[in-house]
Amino acid sequence: MSLMLGHVLEKRGIDIAEIMNIATPISRMQLFILARFLNQEASLYTDMQMYNDVYKKEILIDIQQYFKSVGSMVQE
């Protein structure tokens, strides 16, 4: 999820410093976690997720179903 958020912020050209000025304390914590995640070695997280059978078989399916339902709500 962090990687997806980082991708969307980058793609939209959103300045994280500006967001920090208006973010709630919880949102700031999420942004700090995102920054830490993005500054780590990408292969570490990729390996942890891709070699985890539960992640591949269950969590990815849950994420796909969630975004499909959100897409349906947005289109209504």
Protein backbone atom coordinates (compact mmCIF):
# COMPACT_ATOMS: atom_id res chain seq x y z
CA MET A 1 0.00 0.00 0.00
CA SER A 2 2.84 2.37 0.81
CA LEU A 3 4.39 1.81 -2.59
CA MET A 4 1.07 2.55 -4.27
CA LEU A 5 0.63 5.78 -2.29
CA GLY A 6 4.16 6.85 -3.17
CA HIS A 7 3.51 6.14 -6.84
CA VAL A 8 0.30 8.20 -6.87
CA LEU A 9 1.94 11.15 -5.09
CA GLU A 10 4.87 11.10 -7.50
CA LYS A 11 2.68 10.69 -10.59
CA ARG A 12 0.51 13.62 -9.55
CA GLY A 13 3.50 15.81 -8.70
CA ILE A 14 2.26 16.30 -5.16
CA ASP A 15 4.76 18.02 -2.88
CA ILE A 16 4.94 16.02 0.35
CA ALA A 17 6.21 19.09 2.23
CA GLU A 18 2.95 20.89 1.41
CA ILE A 19 0.90 17.91 2.53
CA MET A 20 2.81 17.79 5.83
CA ASN A 21 1.68 21.37 6.56
CA ILE A 22 -2.00 20.42 6.40
CA ALA A 23 -1.88 16.74 7.39
CA THR A 24 -3.43 15.36 10.53
CA PRO A 25 -1.07 13.71 13.04
CA ILE A 26 -2.07 10.25 11.76
CA SER A 27 -1.53 11.31 8.13
CA ARG A 28 1.91 12.68 9.06
CA MET A 29 2.83 9.33 10.59
CA GLN A 30 1.73 7.59 7.39
CA LEU A 31 3.88 9.96 5.33
CA PHE A 32 6.89 9.32 7.60
CA ILE A 33 6.37 5.58 7.14
CA LEU A 34 6.09 6.11 3.38
CA ALA A 35 9.34 8.10 3.33
CA ARG A 36 11.13 5.40 5.29
CA PHE A 37 9.71 2.70 3.04
CA LEU A 38 10.74 4.50 -0.14
CA ASN A 39 14.25 5.15 1.16
CA GLN A 40 14.90 1.45 1.82
CA GLU A 41 16.30 -1.10 -0.61
CA ALA A 42 13.35 -1.94 -2.90
CA SER A 43 14.41 -5.55 -3.37
CA LEU A 44 14.03 -6.18 0.37
CA TYR A 45 10.31 -5.45 0.29
CA THR A 46 9.81 -7.08 -3.08
CA ASP A 47 11.37 -10.31 -1.88
CA MET A 48 9.39 -10.26 1.36
CA GLN A 49 6.12 -9.92 -0.51
CA MET A 50 6.72 -11.99 -3.61
CA TYR A 51 8.11 -15.01 -1.75
CA ASN A 52 5.33 -14.91 0.84
CA ASP A 53 2.65 -17.37 -0.30
CA VAL A 54 -0.02 -15.80 1.94
CA TYR A 55 0.64 -12.42 0.34
CA LYS A 56 0.44 -13.80 -3.19
CA LYS A 57 -2.54 -16.08 -2.67
CA GLU A 58 -4.68 -14.09 -0.26
CA ILE A 59 -3.63 -10.51 0.33
CA LEU A 60 -3.18 -9.55 -3.33
CA ILE A 61 -6.62 -10.97 -4.08
CA ASP A 62 -8.11 -8.93 -1.21
CA ILE A 63 -6.40 -5.77 -2.49
CA GLN A 64 -7.66 -6.37 -6.03
CA GLN A 65 -11.23 -6.93 -4.79
CA TYR A 66 -11.09 -3.80 -2.66
CA PHE A 67 -9.96 -1.60 -5.53
CA LYS A 68 -12.54 -3.13 -7.83
CA SER A 69 -15.26 -2.21 -5.31
CA VAL A 70 -13.86 1.32 -4.89
CA GLY A 71 -13.81 1.68 -8.68
CA SER A 72 -17.45 0.66 -8.83
CA MET A 73 -18.40 3.21 -6.16
CA VAL A 74 -16.57 6.01 -7.96
CA GLN A 75 -18.26 5.22 -11.26
CA GLU A 76 -21.77 5.34 -9.75
